[in-house]
Amino acid sequence: MPTTGVDLSDGPNKGTLYVNWIDARNGDPDVFVMYSRDGGNNWSEPVRVNDDPIKNGKEQFFTWMSVDPADGSVNVVFYDRRDTSGATTGLTLARSVDGGRTFVNRKIDVKPFMVNPHIFFGDYSSISAYAGRVVPVFMHFVNDGKLAVSVALFRFKPGTQELLK
């Protein structure tokens, strides 16, 4: 399920189109972004967003993207199993401030959780970004497999990877 975005900022990548998705071209599911700087006539090669080792057998899945209309940053949230075993799952925010060429990954501060196989928690993620404030929304399991919805708040100096306190 691809997501799309466009840079509406007055920055150097204004008008850039972005597409974000998951695929297993490297042997396990990874997060990717492609961009077009000419209205969709030509597209970049896919850029791998997650920064764990390639072909490590760890899954990233259920991604969502938001392009900050104030600073043009590309912000991606996804479920992440790089530091867990089995179906235990964490969450990651990845951010690009160079037009989708590179991404910095940050763990979202939520305890990794076991997936309840009888409850679909799926593609209910979302993310919003404005002027350096990035708010991912995600489902996760707590207390004996009960489903919860949570948000995280990241405050960046606009246009940078610098987190503000």
C-alpha atoms as a PDB file:
ATOM      1  CA  MET A   1       0.000   0.000   0.000  1.00  0.00           C
ATOM      2  CA  PRO A   2       2.032   2.993  -1.185  1.00  0.00           C
ATOM      3  CA  THR A   3       1.639   6.442   0.340  1.00  0.00           C
ATOM      4  CA  THR A   4       2.325   9.670  -1.509  1.00  0.00           C
ATOM      5  CA  GLY A   5       3.343  13.198  -0.582  1.00  0.00           C
ATOM      6  CA  VAL A   6       4.510  16.439  -2.120  1.00  0.00           C
ATOM      7  CA  ASP A   7       6.872  19.140  -0.874  1.00  0.00           C
ATOM      8  CA  LEU A   8       4.779  22.307  -0.597  1.00  0.00           C
ATOM      9  CA  SER A   9       7.482  24.280   1.226  1.00  0.00           C
ATOM     10  CA  ASP A  10       9.467  27.167  -0.209  1.00  0.00           C
ATOM     11  CA  GLY A  11      12.645  25.107   0.233  1.00  0.00           C
ATOM     12  CA  PRO A  12      15.054  23.756  -2.384  1.00  0.00           C
ATOM     13  CA  ASN A  13      12.910  20.660  -3.087  1.00  0.00           C
ATOM     14  CA  LYS A  14       9.612  22.499  -3.543  1.00  0.00           C
ATOM     15  CA  GLY A  15       7.279  20.543  -5.812  1.00  0.00           C
ATOM     16  CA  THR A  16       9.053  17.201  -5.317  1.00  0.00           C
ATOM     17  CA  LEU A  17       6.686  14.213  -5.375  1.00  0.00           C
ATOM     18  CA  TYR A  18       7.362  11.274  -3.028  1.00  0.00           C
ATOM     19  CA  VAL A  19       6.098   7.684  -2.909  1.00  0.00           C
ATOM     20  CA  ASN A  20       6.678   5.463   0.155  1.00  0.00           C
ATOM     21  CA  TRP A  21       6.124   1.684   0.353  1.00  0.00           C
ATOM     22  CA  ILE A  22       7.377  -1.667   1.671  1.00  0.00           C
ATOM     23  CA  ASP A  23       8.821  -4.483  -0.416  1.00  0.00           C
ATOM     24  CA  ALA A  24      11.108  -7.495   0.000  1.00  0.00           C
ATOM     25  CA  ARG A  25      13.534  -6.937  -2.895  1.00  0.00           C
ATOM     26  CA  ASN A  26      16.424  -7.456  -0.441  1.00  0.00           C
ATOM     27  CA  GLY A  27      15.066 -10.743   0.943  1.00  0.00           C
ATOM     28  CA  ASP A  28      13.075  -9.269   3.841  1.00  0.00           C
ATOM     29  CA  PRO A  29      10.551  -6.397   3.995  1.00  0.00           C
ATOM     30  CA  ASP A  30      12.199  -2.953   3.913  1.00  0.00           C
ATOM     31  CA  VAL A  31      10.868   0.618   3.676  1.00  0.00           C
ATOM     32  CA  PHE A  32      11.501   2.594   0.469  1.00  0.00           C
ATOM     33  CA  VAL A  33      10.953   6.092  -0.910  1.00  0.00           C
ATOM     34  CA  MET A  34      11.242   7.309  -4.496  1.00  0.00           C
ATOM     35  CA  TYR A  35      11.024  10.925  -5.595  1.00  0.00           C
ATOM     36  CA  SER A  36      10.342  12.906  -8.733  1.00  0.00           C
ATOM     37  CA  ARG A  37      11.505  16.481  -9.204  1.00  0.00           C
ATOM     38  CA  ASP A  38       9.799  16.970 -12.587  1.00  0.00           C
ATOM     39  CA  GLY A  39       6.111  16.338 -11.916  1.00  0.00           C
ATOM     40  CA  GLY A  40       6.320  12.547 -12.154  1.00  0.00           C
ATOM     41  CA  ASN A  41       7.949  12.242 -15.574  1.00  0.00           C
ATOM     42  CA  ASN A  42      11.140  10.772 -14.111  1.00  0.00           C
ATOM     43  CA  TRP A  43      11.723   9.029 -10.787  1.00  0.00           C
ATOM     44  CA  SER A  44      14.763   8.373  -8.617  1.00  0.00           C
ATOM     45  CA  GLU A  45      15.954   4.890  -7.870  1.00  0.00           C
ATOM     46  CA  PRO A  46      14.296   3.542  -4.694  1.00  0.00           C
ATOM     47  CA  VAL A  47      15.980   4.823  -1.520  1.00  0.00           C
ATOM     48  CA  ARG A  48      16.023   2.353   1.379  1.00  0.00           C
ATOM     49  CA  VAL A  49      14.708   4.185   4.452  1.00  0.00           C
ATOM     50  CA  ASN A  50      15.442   1.721   7.276  1.00  0.00           C
ATOM     51  CA  ASP A  51      19.124   1.644   8.180  1.00  0.00           C
ATOM     52  CA  ASP A  52      19.523  -1.851   9.641  1.00  0.00           C
ATOM     53  CA  PRO A  53      21.806  -4.267   7.762  1.00  0.00           C
ATOM     54  CA  ILE A  54      20.495  -5.411   4.377  1.00  0.00           C
ATOM     55  CA  LYS A  55      19.291  -9.038   4.202  1.00  0.00           C
ATOM     56  CA  ASN A  56      19.351  -9.448   8.004  1.00  0.00           C
ATOM     57  CA  GLY A  57      15.972 -11.225   8.045  1.00  0.00           C
ATOM     58  CA  LYS A  58      14.360  -8.441  10.113  1.00  0.00           C
ATOM     59  CA  GLU A  59      11.015  -7.042   8.964  1.00  0.00           C
ATOM     60  CA  GLN A  60       9.879  -3.456   8.624  1.00  0.00           C
ATOM     61  CA  PHE A  61       6.222  -3.004   7.695  1.00  0.00           C
ATOM     62  CA  PHE A  62       3.040  -0.848   7.706  1.00  0.00           C
ATOM     63  CA  THR A  63       4.710   2.420   6.712  1.00  0.00           C
ATOM     64  CA  TRP A  64       3.207   5.885   6.434  1.00  0.00           C
ATOM     65  CA  MET A  65       4.724   9.215   5.321  1.00  0.00           C
ATOM     66  CA  SER A  66       4.250  12.954   5.799  1.00  0.00           C
ATOM     67  CA  VAL A  67       6.110  15.741   3.995  1.00  0.00           C
ATOM     68  CA  ASP A  68       6.358  18.816   6.220  1.00  0.00           C
ATOM     69  CA  PRO A  69       4.841  21.740   4.247  1.00  0.00           C
ATOM     70  CA  ALA A  70       6.894  24.272   6.223  1.00  0.00           C
ATOM     71  CA  ASP A  71      10.410  22.810   5.962  1.00  0.00           C
ATOM     72  CA  GLY A  72      10.085  20.102   3.242  1.00  0.00           C
ATOM     73  CA  SER A  73      11.356  17.278   5.457  1.00  0.00           C
ATOM     74  CA  VAL A  74      10.186  13.757   4.586  1.00  0.00           C
ATOM     75  CA  ASN A  75       9.004  11.888   7.697  1.00  0.00           C
ATOM     76  CA  VAL A  76       8.238   8.160   7.684  1.00  0.00           C
ATOM     77  CA  VAL A  77       6.870   5.946  10.479  1.00  0.00           C
ATOM     78  CA  PHE A  78       6.967   2.146  10.351  1.00  0.00           C
ATOM     79  CA  TYR A  79       6.776  -0.964  12.513  1.00  0.00           C
ATOM     80  CA  ASP A  80      10.219  -2.423  13.032  1.00  0.00           C
ATOM     81  CA  ARG A  81      11.539  -5.803  14.160  1.00  0.00           C
ATOM     82  CA  ARG A  82      15.270  -5.105  13.796  1.00  0.00           C
ATOM     83  CA  ASP A  83      16.008  -5.245  17.555  1.00  0.00           C
ATOM     84  CA  THR A  84      13.466  -7.905  18.509  1.00  0.00           C
ATOM     85  CA  SER A  85      12.873 -11.599  17.999  1.00  0.00           C
ATOM     86  CA  GLY A  86       9.917 -13.412  16.493  1.00  0.00           C
ATOM     87  CA  ALA A  87       6.782 -11.292  16.229  1.00  0.00           C
ATOM     88  CA  THR A  88       7.861  -8.782  18.907  1.00  0.00           C
ATOM     89  CA  THR A  89       7.583  -5.362  17.279  1.00  0.00           C
ATOM     90  CA  GLY A  90       8.838  -1.823  17.864  1.00  0.00           C
ATOM     91  CA  LEU A  91       8.383   1.442  15.972  1.00  0.00           C
ATOM     92  CA  THR A  92      10.740   3.751  14.109  1.00  0.00           C
ATOM     93  CA  LEU A  93      10.582   7.299  12.777  1.00  0.00           C
ATOM     94  CA  ALA A  94      12.849   8.049   9.813  1.00  0.00           C
ATOM     95  CA  ARG A  95      13.463  11.623   8.644  1.00  0.00           C
ATOM     96  CA  SER A  96      15.085  13.085   5.547  1.00  0.00           C
ATOM     97  CA  VAL A  97      16.065  16.741   5.259  1.00  0.00           C
ATOM     98  CA  ASP A  98      17.834  16.406   1.891  1.00  0.00           C
ATOM     99  CA  GLY A  99      14.897  15.739  -0.410  1.00  0.00           C
ATOM    100  CA  GLY A 100      14.608  12.000   0.281  1.00  0.00           C
ATOM    101  CA  ARG A 101      18.209  11.126  -0.593  1.00  0.00           C
ATOM    102  CA  THR A 102      19.129   9.933   2.928  1.00  0.00           C
ATOM    103  CA  PHE A 103      17.220   9.139   6.139  1.00  0.00           C
ATOM    104  CA  VAL A 104      18.095   9.173   9.836  1.00  0.00           C
ATOM    105  CA  ASN A 105      16.252   6.506  11.882  1.00  0.00           C
ATOM    106  CA  ARG A 106      15.053   7.101  15.448  1.00  0.00           C
ATOM    107  CA  LYS A 107      13.364   4.556  17.681  1.00  0.00           C
ATOM    108  CA  ILE A 108       9.965   5.613  18.969  1.00  0.00           C
ATOM    109  CA  ASP A 109       9.881   5.347  22.749  1.00  0.00           C
ATOM    110  CA  VAL A 110       7.288   2.610  23.147  1.00  0.00           C
ATOM    111  CA  LYS A 111       7.983  -0.758  24.710  1.00  0.00           C
ATOM    112  CA  PRO A 112       8.292  -3.462  22.013  1.00  0.00           C
ATOM    113  CA  PHE A 113       5.131  -5.527  22.005  1.00  0.00           C
ATOM    114  CA  MET A 114       4.023  -9.014  21.060  1.00  0.00           C
ATOM    115  CA  VAL A 115       1.501  -9.115  18.258  1.00  0.00           C
ATOM    116  CA  ASN A 116      -1.822 -10.751  19.114  1.00  0.00           C
ATOM    117  CA  PRO A 117      -2.454 -13.064  16.128  1.00  0.00           C
ATOM    118  CA  HIS A 118      -6.231 -12.880  16.672  1.00  0.00           C
ATOM    119  CA  ILE A 119      -6.422  -9.071  16.375  1.00  0.00           C
ATOM    120  CA  PHE A 120      -5.507  -7.203  13.203  1.00  0.00           C
ATOM    121  CA  PHE A 121      -3.578  -4.050  14.134  1.00  0.00           C
ATOM    122  CA  GLY A 122      -2.576  -3.389  10.540  1.00  0.00           C
ATOM    123  CA  ASP A 123      -2.510  -0.318   8.475  1.00  0.00           C
ATOM    124  CA  TYR A 124      -3.971   2.181  10.945  1.00  0.00           C
ATOM    125  CA  SER A 125      -0.788   4.221  11.273  1.00  0.00           C
ATOM    126  CA  SER A 126      -0.581   7.876  10.406  1.00  0.00           C
ATOM    127  CA  ILE A 127       1.902  10.715  10.686  1.00  0.00           C
ATOM    128  CA  SER A 128       1.681  14.496  10.512  1.00  0.00           C
ATOM    129  CA  ALA A 129       4.484  17.027  10.296  1.00  0.00           C
ATOM    130  CA  TYR A 130       4.544  20.817  10.435  1.00  0.00           C
ATOM    131  CA  ALA A 131       7.403  23.261  11.085  1.00  0.00           C
ATOM    132  CA  GLY A 132       9.632  20.574  12.590  1.00  0.00           C
ATOM    133  CA  ARG A 133       6.943  19.018  14.777  1.00  0.00           C
ATOM    134  CA  VAL A 134       6.409  15.391  13.779  1.00  0.00           C
ATOM    135  CA  VAL A 135       3.579  13.313  15.264  1.00  0.00           C
ATOM    136  CA  PRO A 136       3.361   9.617  14.375  1.00  0.00           C
ATOM    137  CA  VAL A 137       0.131   7.803  15.342  1.00  0.00           C
ATOM    138  CA  PHE A 138       0.241   4.034  15.759  1.00  0.00           C
ATOM    139  CA  MET A 139      -1.516   0.982  17.139  1.00  0.00           C
ATOM    140  CA  HIS A 140       0.241  -1.331  19.591  1.00  0.00           C
ATOM    141  CA  PHE A 141      -0.572  -4.062  22.071  1.00  0.00           C
ATOM    142  CA  VAL A 142      -0.522  -3.550  25.844  1.00  0.00           C
ATOM    143  CA  ASN A 143      -1.733  -5.448  28.921  1.00  0.00           C
ATOM    144  CA  ASP A 144      -2.448  -9.015  27.841  1.00  0.00           C
ATOM    145  CA  GLY A 145      -2.907  -8.285  24.154  1.00  0.00           C
ATOM    146  CA  LYS A 146      -5.286  -5.331  24.328  1.00  0.00           C
ATOM    147  CA  LEU A 147      -4.966  -2.942  21.403  1.00  0.00           C
ATOM    148  CA  ALA A 148      -4.093   0.692  22.095  1.00  0.00           C
ATOM    149  CA  VAL A 149      -3.554   3.750  19.930  1.00  0.00           C
ATOM    150  CA  SER A 150      -0.718   6.118  20.825  1.00  0.00           C
ATOM    151  CA  VAL A 151       1.162   9.097  19.469  1.00  0.00           C
ATOM    152  CA  ALA A 152       4.743  10.251  19.806  1.00  0.00           C
ATOM    153  CA  LEU A 153       5.919  13.849  19.543  1.00  0.00           C
ATOM    154  CA  PHE A 154       9.234  14.785  17.959  1.00  0.00           C
ATOM    155  CA  ARG A 155      10.303  18.428  17.862  1.00  0.00           C
ATOM    156  CA  PHE A 156      13.072  19.161  15.389  1.00  0.00           C
ATOM    157  CA  LYS A 157      14.733  22.438  14.556  1.00  0.00           C
ATOM    158  CA  PRO A 158      12.934  22.988  11.219  1.00  0.00           C
ATOM    159  CA  GLY A 159      14.850  21.683   8.216  1.00  0.00           C
ATOM    160  CA  THR A 160      17.359  19.754  10.347  1.00  0.00           C
ATOM    161  CA  GLN A 161      17.859  16.458  12.163  1.00  0.00           C
ATOM    162  CA  GLU A 162      18.407  18.373  15.435  1.00  0.00           C
ATOM    163  CA  LEU A 163      15.922  17.390  18.144  1.00  0.00           C
ATOM    164  CA  LEU A 164      14.762  20.242  20.367  1.00  0.00           C
ATOM    165  CA  LYS A 165      14.231  19.728  24.072  1.00  0.00           C
END
